[in-house]
Amino acid sequence: MGIEDAAATLAAQGNIGDAVPAAVPLITAMAKAYTRGRGFDDDGDPSEEIAAVITTASVRLAANTRQTDHAQTMGEFSETVRSFFNGWTLAELAVLNRYRVRAM
């Protein structure tokens, strides 16, 4: 299963699938920049571990495309969204740091 398919599967559970195709290339570029290209093959495809990071971060980005806290009310019901992509999670950093080239 490709990254976009995996992210779309996760996103389908929250009705956010429309934003996934736009989120995947953005997160892929950020992951590639963070690792300075390590963990990507000659075709630009990420390793399985980095693909997992791209999948989870893409879904987080797609879940709140406005990237801000916001609330919405309809009648007596309200929804508040306070989650958005605000950098890598600790688990994602653990994976990415295995590939990152660090200065000495």
PDB file of N, CA and C in Angstrom:
ATOM      1  N   MET A   1       0.850  -1.174   0.000  1.00  0.00           N
ATOM      2  CA  MET A   1       0.000   0.000   0.000  1.00  0.00           C
ATOM      3  C   MET A   1       0.896   1.238   0.000  1.00  0.00           C
ATOM      4  N   GLY A   2       0.612   2.184  -0.880  1.00  0.00           N
ATOM      5  CA  GLY A   2       1.399   3.405  -0.971  1.00  0.00           C
ATOM      6  C   GLY A   2       1.061   4.383   0.139  1.00  0.00           C
ATOM      7  N   ILE A   3       1.867   5.420   0.251  1.00  0.00           N
ATOM      8  CA  ILE A   3       1.665   6.415   1.303  1.00  0.00           C
ATOM      9  C   ILE A   3       0.308   7.084   1.165  1.00  0.00           C
ATOM     10  N   GLU A   4      -0.035   7.516  -0.060  1.00  0.00           N
ATOM     11  CA  GLU A   4      -1.318   8.191  -0.243  1.00  0.00           C
ATOM     12  C   GLU A   4      -2.479   7.274   0.089  1.00  0.00           C
ATOM     13  N   ASP A   5      -2.380   5.993  -0.277  1.00  0.00           N
ATOM     14  CA  ASP A   5      -3.444   5.042   0.041  1.00  0.00           C
ATOM     15  C   ASP A   5      -3.566   4.840   1.543  1.00  0.00           C
ATOM     16  N   ALA A   6      -2.432   4.687   2.220  1.00  0.00           N
ATOM     17  CA  ALA A   6      -2.452   4.490   3.673  1.00  0.00           C
ATOM     18  C   ALA A   6      -3.004   5.722   4.377  1.00  0.00           C
ATOM     19  N   ALA A   7      -2.579   6.906   3.938  1.00  0.00           N
ATOM     20  CA  ALA A   7      -3.074   8.139   4.545  1.00  0.00           C
ATOM     21  C   ALA A   7      -4.560   8.321   4.268  1.00  0.00           C
ATOM     22  N   ALA A   8      -4.995   7.988   3.063  1.00  0.00           N
ATOM     23  CA  ALA A   8      -6.414   8.099   2.726  1.00  0.00           C
ATOM     24  C   ALA A   8      -7.251   7.143   3.561  1.00  0.00           C
ATOM     25  N   THR A   9      -6.723   5.945   3.828  1.00  0.00           N
ATOM     26  CA  THR A   9      -7.443   4.986   4.663  1.00  0.00           C
ATOM     27  C   THR A   9      -7.613   5.532   6.073  1.00  0.00           C
ATOM     28  N   LEU A  10      -6.540   6.090   6.643  1.00  0.00           N
ATOM     29  CA  LEU A  10      -6.647   6.698   7.971  1.00  0.00           C
ATOM     30  C   LEU A  10      -7.583   7.899   7.949  1.00  0.00           C
ATOM     31  N   ALA A  11      -7.480   8.713   6.924  1.00  0.00           N
ATOM     32  CA  ALA A  11      -8.283   9.923   6.827  1.00  0.00           C
ATOM     33  C   ALA A  11      -9.756   9.620   6.618  1.00  0.00           C
ATOM     34  N   ALA A  12     -10.074   8.506   5.977  1.00  0.00           N
ATOM     35  CA  ALA A  12     -11.471   8.154   5.711  1.00  0.00           C
ATOM     36  C   ALA A  12     -12.253   7.981   7.000  1.00  0.00           C
ATOM     37  N   GLN A  13     -11.576   7.612   8.059  1.00  0.00           N
ATOM     38  CA  GLN A  13     -12.250   7.428   9.339  1.00  0.00           C
ATOM     39  C   GLN A  13     -12.702   8.754   9.930  1.00  0.00           C
ATOM     40  N   GLY A  14     -12.139   9.858   9.468  1.00  0.00           N
ATOM     41  CA  GLY A  14     -12.513  11.168   9.980  1.00  0.00           C
ATOM     42  C   GLY A  14     -13.068  12.091   8.911  1.00  0.00           C
ATOM     43  N   ASN A  15     -13.440  11.541   7.749  1.00  0.00           N
ATOM     44  CA  ASN A  15     -13.983  12.335   6.642  1.00  0.00           C
ATOM     45  C   ASN A  15     -13.049  13.471   6.222  1.00  0.00           C
ATOM     46  N   ILE A  16     -11.768  13.197   6.109  1.00  0.00           N
ATOM     47  CA  ILE A  16     -10.808  14.235   5.726  1.00  0.00           C
ATOM     48  C   ILE A  16     -10.002  13.827   4.504  1.00  0.00           C
ATOM     49  N   GLY A  17     -10.492  12.850   3.771  1.00  0.00           N
ATOM     50  CA  GLY A  17      -9.746  12.292   2.650  1.00  0.00           C
ATOM     51  C   GLY A  17      -9.443  13.250   1.521  1.00  0.00           C
ATOM     52  N   ASP A  18     -10.236  14.301   1.339  1.00  0.00           N
ATOM     53  CA  ASP A  18     -10.033  15.213   0.211  1.00  0.00           C
ATOM     54  C   ASP A  18      -8.712  15.967   0.284  1.00  0.00           C
ATOM     55  N   ALA A  19      -8.216  16.236   1.467  1.00  0.00           N
ATOM     56  CA  ALA A  19      -6.994  17.028   1.623  1.00  0.00           C
ATOM     57  C   ALA A  19      -5.727  16.182   1.592  1.00  0.00           C
ATOM     58  N   VAL A  20      -5.861  14.870   1.670  1.00  0.00           N
ATOM     59  CA  VAL A  20      -4.686  13.993   1.741  1.00  0.00           C
ATOM     60  C   VAL A  20      -3.788  14.101   0.512  1.00  0.00           C
ATOM     61  N   PRO A  21      -4.311  14.079  -0.719  1.00  0.00           N
ATOM     62  CA  PRO A  21      -3.410  14.165  -1.883  1.00  0.00           C
ATOM     63  C   PRO A  21      -2.549  15.429  -1.900  1.00  0.00           C
ATOM     64  N   ALA A  22      -3.041  16.508  -1.336  1.00  0.00           N
ATOM     65  CA  ALA A  22      -2.244  17.736  -1.267  1.00  0.00           C
ATOM     66  C   ALA A  22      -1.253  17.701  -0.112  1.00  0.00           C
ATOM     67  N   ALA A  23      -1.592  17.001   0.958  1.00  0.00           N
ATOM     68  CA  ALA A  23      -0.740  16.971   2.152  1.00  0.00           C
ATOM     69  C   ALA A  23       0.477  16.074   1.977  1.00  0.00           C
ATOM     70  N   VAL A  24       0.326  14.950   1.292  1.00  0.00           N
ATOM     71  CA  VAL A  24       1.420  13.973   1.183  1.00  0.00           C
ATOM     72  C   VAL A  24       2.684  14.569   0.552  1.00  0.00           C
ATOM     73  N   PRO A  25       2.612  15.274  -0.586  1.00  0.00           N
ATOM     74  CA  PRO A  25       3.850  15.838  -1.151  1.00  0.00           C
ATOM     75  C   PRO A  25       4.502  16.889  -0.244  1.00  0.00           C
ATOM     76  N   LEU A  26       3.697  17.653   0.476  1.00  0.00           N
ATOM     77  CA  LEU A  26       4.248  18.658   1.386  1.00  0.00           C
ATOM     78  C   LEU A  26       5.019  18.005   2.527  1.00  0.00           C
ATOM     79  N   ILE A  27       4.410  17.010   3.150  1.00  0.00           N
ATOM     80  CA  ILE A  27       5.052  16.328   4.271  1.00  0.00           C
ATOM     81  C   ILE A  27       6.262  15.538   3.782  1.00  0.00           C
ATOM     82  N   THR A  28       6.166  14.950   2.592  1.00  0.00           N
ATOM     83  CA  THR A  28       7.305  14.218   2.030  1.00  0.00           C
ATOM     84  C   THR A  28       8.497  15.152   1.845  1.00  0.00           C
ATOM     85  N   ALA A  29       8.244  16.338   1.320  1.00  0.00           N
ATOM     86  CA  ALA A  29       9.324  17.314   1.128  1.00  0.00           C
ATOM     87  C   ALA A  29       9.935  17.723   2.463  1.00  0.00           C
ATOM     88  N   MET A  30       9.104  17.900   3.481  1.00  0.00           N
ATOM     89  CA  MET A  30       9.632  18.277   4.794  1.00  0.00           C
ATOM     90  C   MET A  30      10.444  17.146   5.408  1.00  0.00           C
ATOM     91  N   ALA A  31       9.988  15.904   5.249  1.00  0.00           N
ATOM     92  CA  ALA A  31      10.731  14.756   5.779  1.00  0.00           C
ATOM     93  C   ALA A  31      12.069  14.606   5.058  1.00  0.00           C
ATOM     94  N   LYS A  32      12.050  14.801   3.748  1.00  0.00           N
ATOM     95  CA  LYS A  32      13.289  14.684   2.970  1.00  0.00           C
ATOM     96  C   LYS A  32      14.277  15.779   3.360  1.00  0.00           C
ATOM     97  N   ALA A  33      13.769  16.974   3.594  1.00  0.00           N
ATOM     98  CA  ALA A  33      14.632  18.074   4.023  1.00  0.00           C
ATOM     99  C   ALA A  33      15.184  17.811   5.423  1.00  0.00           C
ATOM    100  N   TYR A  34      14.345  17.299   6.316  1.00  0.00           N
ATOM    101  CA  TYR A  34      14.780  17.045   7.694  1.00  0.00           C
ATOM    102  C   TYR A  34      15.893  16.008   7.742  1.00  0.00           C
ATOM    103  N   THR A  35      15.777  14.982   6.909  1.00  0.00           N
ATOM    104  CA  THR A  35      16.790  13.915   6.906  1.00  0.00           C
ATOM    105  C   THR A  35      17.922  14.206   5.928  1.00  0.00           C
ATOM    106  N   ARG A  36      17.829  15.338   5.251  1.00  0.00           N
ATOM    107  CA  ARG A  36      18.808  15.731   4.229  1.00  0.00           C
ATOM    108  C   ARG A  36      18.944  14.659   3.152  1.00  0.00           C
ATOM    109  N   GLY A  37      17.794  14.077   2.799  1.00  0.00           N
ATOM    110  CA  GLY A  37      17.745  13.102   1.715  1.00  0.00           C
ATOM    111  C   GLY A  37      18.045  11.673   2.118  1.00  0.00           C
ATOM    112  N   ARG A  38      18.521  11.453   3.325  1.00  0.00           N
ATOM    113  CA  ARG A  38      18.806  10.080   3.764  1.00  0.00           C
ATOM    114  C   ARG A  38      17.488   9.362   4.032  1.00  0.00           C
ATOM    115  N   GLY A  39      17.447   8.080   3.689  1.00  0.00           N
ATOM    116  CA  GLY A  39      16.230   7.301   3.872  1.00  0.00           C
ATOM    117  C   GLY A  39      15.330   7.312   2.648  1.00  0.00           C
ATOM    118  N   PHE A  40      15.792   7.949   1.579  1.00  0.00           N
ATOM    119  CA  PHE A  40      15.062   7.992   0.315  1.00  0.00           C
ATOM    120  C   PHE A  40      15.942   7.341  -0.745  1.00  0.00           C
ATOM    121  N   ASP A  41      15.329   6.526  -1.615  1.00  0.00           N
ATOM    122  CA  ASP A  41      16.127   5.875  -2.658  1.00  0.00           C
ATOM    123  C   ASP A  41      16.361   6.833  -3.829  1.00  0.00           C
ATOM    124  N   ASP A  42      17.008   6.341  -4.869  1.00  0.00           N
ATOM    125  CA  ASP A  42      17.352   7.181  -6.023  1.00  0.00           C
ATOM    126  C   ASP A  42      16.125   7.719  -6.750  1.00  0.00           C
ATOM    127  N   ASP A  43      14.996   7.015  -6.624  1.00  0.00           N
ATOM    128  CA  ASP A  43      13.752   7.465  -7.253  1.00  0.00           C
ATOM    129  C   ASP A  43      12.985   8.442  -6.370  1.00  0.00           C
ATOM    130  N   GLY A  44      13.498   8.707  -5.169  1.00  0.00           N
ATOM    131  CA  GLY A  44      12.822   9.620  -4.252  1.00  0.00           C
ATOM    132  C   GLY A  44      11.806   8.951  -3.355  1.00  0.00           C
ATOM    133  N   ASP A  45      11.747   7.618  -3.404  1.00  0.00           N
ATOM    134  CA  ASP A  45      10.799   6.894  -2.560  1.00  0.00           C
ATOM    135  C   ASP A  45      11.388   6.709  -1.166  1.00  0.00           C
ATOM    136  N   PRO A  46      10.572   6.958  -0.117  1.00  0.00           N
ATOM    137  CA  PRO A  46      11.084   6.841   1.245  1.00  0.00           C
ATOM    138  C   PRO A  46      11.160   5.390   1.714  1.00  0.00           C
ATOM    139  N   SER A  47      11.995   5.166   2.737  1.00  0.00           N
ATOM    140  CA  SER A  47      12.035   3.848   3.373  1.00  0.00           C
ATOM    141  C   SER A  47      10.685   3.603   4.043  1.00  0.00           C
ATOM    142  N   GLU A  48      10.450   2.374   4.440  1.00  0.00           N
ATOM    143  CA  GLU A  48       9.178   2.021   5.075  1.00  0.00           C
ATOM    144  C   GLU A  48       8.942   2.839   6.346  1.00  0.00           C
ATOM    145  N   GLU A  49       9.996   3.054   7.117  1.00  0.00           N
ATOM    146  CA  GLU A  49       9.859   3.816   8.363  1.00  0.00           C
ATOM    147  C   GLU A  49       9.504   5.274   8.096  1.00  0.00           C
ATOM    148  N   ILE A  50      10.185   5.884   7.142  1.00  0.00           N
ATOM    149  CA  ILE A  50       9.890   7.282   6.819  1.00  0.00           C
ATOM    150  C   ILE A  50       8.513   7.391   6.170  1.00  0.00           C
ATOM    151  N   ALA A  51       8.114   6.383   5.407  1.00  0.00           N
ATOM    152  CA  ALA A  51       6.768   6.376   4.822  1.00  0.00           C
ATOM    153  C   ALA A  51       5.704   6.392   5.915  1.00  0.00           C
ATOM    154  N   ALA A  52       5.953   5.694   7.012  1.00  0.00           N
ATOM    155  CA  ALA A  52       5.004   5.700   8.131  1.00  0.00           C
ATOM    156  C   ALA A  52       4.907   7.091   8.747  1.00  0.00           C
ATOM    157  N   VAL A  53       6.035   7.773   8.871  1.00  0.00           N
ATOM    158  CA  VAL A  53       6.042   9.142   9.393  1.00  0.00           C
ATOM    159  C   VAL A  53       5.260  10.055   8.456  1.00  0.00           C
ATOM    160  N   ILE A  54       5.502   9.925   7.168  1.00  0.00           N
ATOM    161  CA  ILE A  54       4.805  10.756   6.184  1.00  0.00           C
ATOM    162  C   ILE A  54       3.304  10.505   6.248  1.00  0.00           C
ATOM    163  N   THR A  55       2.915   9.250   6.416  1.00  0.00           N
ATOM    164  CA  THR A  55       1.492   8.900   6.493  1.00  0.00           C
ATOM    165  C   THR A  55       0.828   9.575   7.680  1.00  0.00           C
ATOM    166  N   THR A  56       1.395   9.416   8.867  1.00  0.00           N
ATOM    167  CA  THR A  56       0.749   9.973  10.064  1.00  0.00           C
ATOM    168  C   THR A  56       0.749  11.499  10.052  1.00  0.00           C
ATOM    169  N   ALA A  57       1.842  12.107   9.628  1.00  0.00           N
ATOM    170  CA  ALA A  57       1.906  13.568   9.589  1.00  0.00           C
ATOM    171  C   ALA A  57       0.971  14.136   8.519  1.00  0.00           C
ATOM    172  N   SER A  58       0.824  13.436   7.400  1.00  0.00           N
ATOM    173  CA  SER A  58      -0.077  13.896   6.335  1.00  0.00           C
ATOM    174  C   SER A  58      -1.524  13.886   6.796  1.00  0.00           C
ATOM    175  N   VAL A  59      -1.898  12.861   7.523  1.00  0.00           N
ATOM    176  CA  VAL A  59      -3.274  12.796   8.032  1.00  0.00           C
ATOM    177  C   VAL A  59      -3.506  13.916   9.039  1.00  0.00           C
ATOM    178  N   ARG A  60      -2.514  14.199   9.867  1.00  0.00           N
ATOM    179  CA  ARG A  60      -2.651  15.284  10.837  1.00  0.00           C
ATOM    180  C   ARG A  60      -2.795  16.630  10.127  1.00  0.00           C
ATOM    181  N   LEU A  61      -2.030  16.833   9.066  1.00  0.00           N
ATOM    182  CA  LEU A  61      -2.143  18.067   8.292  1.00  0.00           C
ATOM    183  C   LEU A  61      -3.498  18.138   7.590  1.00  0.00           C
ATOM    184  N   ALA A  62      -3.933  17.035   7.005  1.00  0.00           N
ATOM    185  CA  ALA A  62      -5.201  17.013   6.273  1.00  0.00           C
ATOM    186  C   ALA A  62      -6.405  17.171   7.196  1.00  0.00           C
ATOM    187  N   ALA A  63      -6.251  16.791   8.453  1.00  0.00           N
ATOM    188  CA  ALA A  63      -7.370  16.868   9.395  1.00  0.00           C
ATOM    189  C   ALA A  63      -7.790  18.300   9.682  1.00  0.00           C
ATOM    190  N   ASN A  64      -6.874  19.234   9.570  1.00  0.00           N
ATOM    191  CA  ASN A  64      -7.189  20.632   9.843  1.00  0.00           C
ATOM    192  C   ASN A  64      -6.413  21.487   8.856  1.00  0.00           C
ATOM    193  N   THR A  65      -6.963  21.633   7.658  1.00  0.00           N
ATOM    194  CA  THR A  65      -6.258  22.354   6.598  1.00  0.00           C
ATOM    195  C   THR A  65      -6.113  23.842   6.897  1.00  0.00           C
ATOM    196  N   ARG A  66      -6.952  24.371   7.774  1.00  0.00           N
ATOM    197  CA  ARG A  66      -6.832  25.783   8.148  1.00  0.00           C
ATOM    198  C   ARG A  66      -5.624  26.014   9.051  1.00  0.00           C
ATOM    199  N   GLN A  67      -5.150  24.957   9.703  1.00  0.00           N
ATOM    200  CA  GLN A  67      -3.979  25.017  10.579  1.00  0.00           C
ATOM    201  C   GLN A  67      -4.119  26.042  11.693  1.00  0.00           C
ATOM    202  N   THR A  68      -5.343  26.213  12.169  1.00  0.00           N
ATOM    203  CA  THR A  68      -5.609  27.098  13.298  1.00  0.00           C
ATOM    204  C   THR A  68      -6.648  26.450  14.193  1.00  0.00           C
ATOM    205  N   ASP A  69      -6.698  26.891  15.454  1.00  0.00           N
ATOM    206  CA  ASP A  69      -7.793  26.477  16.323  1.00  0.00           C
ATOM    207  C   ASP A  69      -9.059  27.145  15.803  1.00  0.00           C
ATOM    208  N   HIS A  70     -10.148  26.414  15.795  1.00  0.00           N
ATOM    209  CA  HIS A  70     -11.403  27.027  15.386  1.00  0.00           C
ATOM    210  C   HIS A  70     -12.578  26.274  15.997  1.00  0.00           C
ATOM    211  N   ALA A  71     -13.693  26.983  16.114  1.00  0.00           N
ATOM    212  CA  ALA A  71     -14.917  26.399  16.659  1.00  0.00           C
ATOM    213  C   ALA A  71     -16.046  26.658  15.683  1.00  0.00           C
ATOM    214  N   GLN A  72     -16.994  25.753  15.697  1.00  0.00           N
ATOM    215  CA  GLN A  72     -18.141  25.895  14.808  1.00  0.00           C
ATOM    216  C   GLN A  72     -19.374  25.435  15.583  1.00  0.00           C
ATOM    217  N   THR A  73     -20.457  26.194  15.470  1.00  0.00           N
ATOM    218  CA  THR A  73     -21.687  25.886  16.195  1.00  0.00           C
ATOM    219  C   THR A  73     -22.839  25.816  15.213  1.00  0.00           C
ATOM    220  N   MET A  74     -23.692  24.824  15.420  1.00  0.00           N
ATOM    221  CA  MET A  74     -24.902  24.688  14.628  1.00  0.00           C
ATOM    222  C   MET A  74     -26.012  24.293  15.598  1.00  0.00           C
ATOM    223  N   GLY A  75     -26.890  25.249  15.871  1.00  0.00           N
ATOM    224  CA  GLY A  75     -27.944  24.982  16.835  1.00  0.00           C
ATOM    225  C   GLY A  75     -27.352  24.757  18.216  1.00  0.00           C
ATOM    226  N   GLU A  76     -27.721  23.651  18.819  1.00  0.00           N
ATOM    227  CA  GLU A  76     -27.215  23.348  20.161  1.00  0.00           C
ATOM    228  C   GLU A  76     -25.915  22.548  20.141  1.00  0.00           C
ATOM    229  N   PHE A  77     -25.419  22.237  18.954  1.00  0.00           N
ATOM    230  CA  PHE A  77     -24.194  21.446  18.834  1.00  0.00           C
ATOM    231  C   PHE A  77     -23.011  22.344  18.473  1.00  0.00           C
ATOM    232  N   SER A  78     -21.873  22.018  19.030  1.00  0.00           N
ATOM    233  CA  SER A  78     -20.666  22.768  18.685  1.00  0.00           C
ATOM    234  C   SER A  78     -19.485  21.815  18.584  1.00  0.00           C
ATOM    235  N   GLU A  79     -18.524  22.235  17.795  1.00  0.00           N
ATOM    236  CA  GLU A  79     -17.306  21.453  17.607  1.00  0.00           C
ATOM    237  C   GLU A  79     -16.124  22.411  17.697  1.00  0.00           C
ATOM    238  N   THR A  80     -15.133  22.031  18.463  1.00  0.00           N
ATOM    239  CA  THR A  80     -13.919  22.818  18.577  1.00  0.00           C
ATOM    240  C   THR A  80     -12.747  21.963  18.126  1.00  0.00           C
ATOM    241  N   VAL A  81     -11.970  22.496  17.196  1.00  0.00           N
ATOM    242  CA  VAL A  81     -10.799  21.785  16.692  1.00  0.00           C
ATOM    243  C   VAL A  81      -9.566  22.526  17.185  1.00  0.00           C
ATOM    244  N   ARG A  82      -8.749  21.840  17.959  1.00  0.00           N
ATOM    245  CA  ARG A  82      -7.536  22.459  18.503  1.00  0.00           C
ATOM    246  C   ARG A  82      -6.292  21.678  18.124  1.00  0.00           C
ATOM    247  N   SER A  83      -6.415  20.845  17.133  1.00  0.00           N
ATOM    248  CA  SER A  83      -5.284  20.024  16.717  1.00  0.00           C
ATOM    249  C   SER A  83      -4.923  20.367  15.278  1.00  0.00           C
ATOM    250  N   PHE A  84      -3.644  20.546  15.042  1.00  0.00           N
ATOM    251  CA  PHE A  84      -3.172  20.798  13.690  1.00  0.00           C
ATOM    252  C   PHE A  84      -1.706  20.423  13.614  1.00  0.00           C
ATOM    253  N   PHE A  85      -1.179  20.389  12.400  1.00  0.00           N
ATOM    254  CA  PHE A  85       0.225  20.028  12.235  1.00  0.00           C
ATOM    255  C   PHE A  85       1.076  21.154  12.795  1.00  0.00           C
ATOM    256  N   ASN A  86       1.810  20.827  13.837  1.00  0.00           N
ATOM    257  CA  ASN A  86       2.648  21.817  14.505  1.00  0.00           C
ATOM    258  C   ASN A  86       4.055  21.253  14.669  1.00  0.00           C
ATOM    259  N   GLY A  87       4.523  20.603  13.620  1.00  0.00           N
ATOM    260  CA  GLY A  87       5.827  19.954  13.675  1.00  0.00           C
ATOM    261  C   GLY A  87       5.684  18.458  13.877  1.00  0.00           C
ATOM    262  N   TRP A  88       6.812  17.807  13.989  1.00  0.00           N
ATOM    263  CA  TRP A  88       6.834  16.349  14.128  1.00  0.00           C
ATOM    264  C   TRP A  88       6.491  15.954  15.555  1.00  0.00           C
ATOM    265  N   THR A  89       5.806  14.820  15.709  1.00  0.00           N
ATOM    266  CA  THR A  89       5.557  14.278  17.040  1.00  0.00           C
ATOM    267  C   THR A  89       6.832  13.617  17.551  1.00  0.00           C
ATOM    268  N   LEU A  90       6.845  13.272  18.816  1.00  0.00           N
ATOM    269  CA  LEU A  90       8.013  12.620  19.405  1.00  0.00           C
ATOM    270  C   LEU A  90       8.312  11.296  18.710  1.00  0.00           C
ATOM    271  N   ALA A  91       7.270  10.525  18.413  1.00  0.00           N
ATOM    272  CA  ALA A  91       7.462   9.240  17.725  1.00  0.00           C
ATOM    273  C   ALA A  91       8.013   9.446  16.315  1.00  0.00           C
ATOM    274  N   GLU A  92       7.501  10.460  15.613  1.00  0.00           N
ATOM    275  CA  GLU A  92       7.999  10.744  14.265  1.00  0.00           C
ATOM    276  C   GLU A  92       9.460  11.193  14.306  1.00  0.00           C
ATOM    277  N   LEU A  93       9.796  12.015  15.289  1.00  0.00           N
ATOM    278  CA  LEU A  93      11.187  12.458  15.425  1.00  0.00           C
ATOM    279  C   LEU A  93      12.128  11.302  15.725  1.00  0.00           C
ATOM    280  N   ALA A  94      11.664  10.333  16.502  1.00  0.00           N
ATOM    281  CA  ALA A  94      12.502   9.167  16.808  1.00  0.00           C
ATOM    282  C   ALA A  94      12.890   8.448  15.523  1.00  0.00           C
ATOM    283  N   VAL A  95      11.951   8.353  14.596  1.00  0.00           N
ATOM    284  CA  VAL A  95      12.238   7.704  13.310  1.00  0.00           C
ATOM    285  C   VAL A  95      13.122   8.599  12.450  1.00  0.00           C
ATOM    286  N   LEU A  96      12.732   9.847  12.286  1.00  0.00           N
ATOM    287  CA  LEU A  96      13.472  10.750  11.398  1.00  0.00           C
ATOM    288  C   LEU A  96      14.904  10.979  11.871  1.00  0.00           C
ATOM    289  N   ASN A  97      15.098  11.031  13.177  1.00  0.00           N
ATOM    290  CA  ASN A  97      16.448  11.278  13.699  1.00  0.00           C
ATOM    291  C   ASN A  97      17.400  10.121  13.432  1.00  0.00           C
ATOM    292  N   ARG A  98      16.869   8.927  13.179  1.00  0.00           N
ATOM    293  CA  ARG A  98      17.723   7.796  12.805  1.00  0.00           C
ATOM    294  C   ARG A  98      18.384   8.036  11.446  1.00  0.00           C
ATOM    295  N   TYR A  99      17.738   8.840  10.608  1.00  0.00           N
ATOM    296  CA  TYR A  99      18.236   9.095   9.253  1.00  0.00           C
ATOM    297  C   TYR A  99      18.912  10.458   9.122  1.00  0.00           C
ATOM    298  N   ARG A 100      18.655  11.342  10.048  1.00  0.00           N
ATOM    299  CA  ARG A 100      19.163  12.713   9.942  1.00  0.00           C
ATOM    300  C   ARG A 100      20.681  12.746  10.077  1.00  0.00           C
ATOM    301  N   VAL A 101      21.309  13.519   9.222  1.00  0.00           N
ATOM    302  CA  VAL A 101      22.748  13.746   9.304  1.00  0.00           C
ATOM    303  C   VAL A 101      22.945  14.934  10.235  1.00  0.00           C
ATOM    304  N   ARG A 102      23.693  14.725  11.296  1.00  0.00           N
ATOM    305  CA  ARG A 102      23.898  15.797  12.272  1.00  0.00           C
ATOM    306  C   ARG A 102      25.327  16.320  12.194  1.00  0.00           C
ATOM    307  N   ALA A 103      25.459  17.606  12.441  1.00  0.00           N
ATOM    308  CA  ALA A 103      26.792  18.223  12.455  1.00  0.00           C
ATOM    309  C   ALA A 103      27.539  17.776  13.705  1.00  0.00           C
ATOM    310  N   MET A 104      28.821  17.670  13.585  1.00  0.00           N
ATOM    311  CA  MET A 104      29.633  17.251  14.738  1.00  0.00           C
ATOM    312  C   MET A 104      30.216  18.452  15.427  1.00  0.00           C
TER     313      MET A 104
END
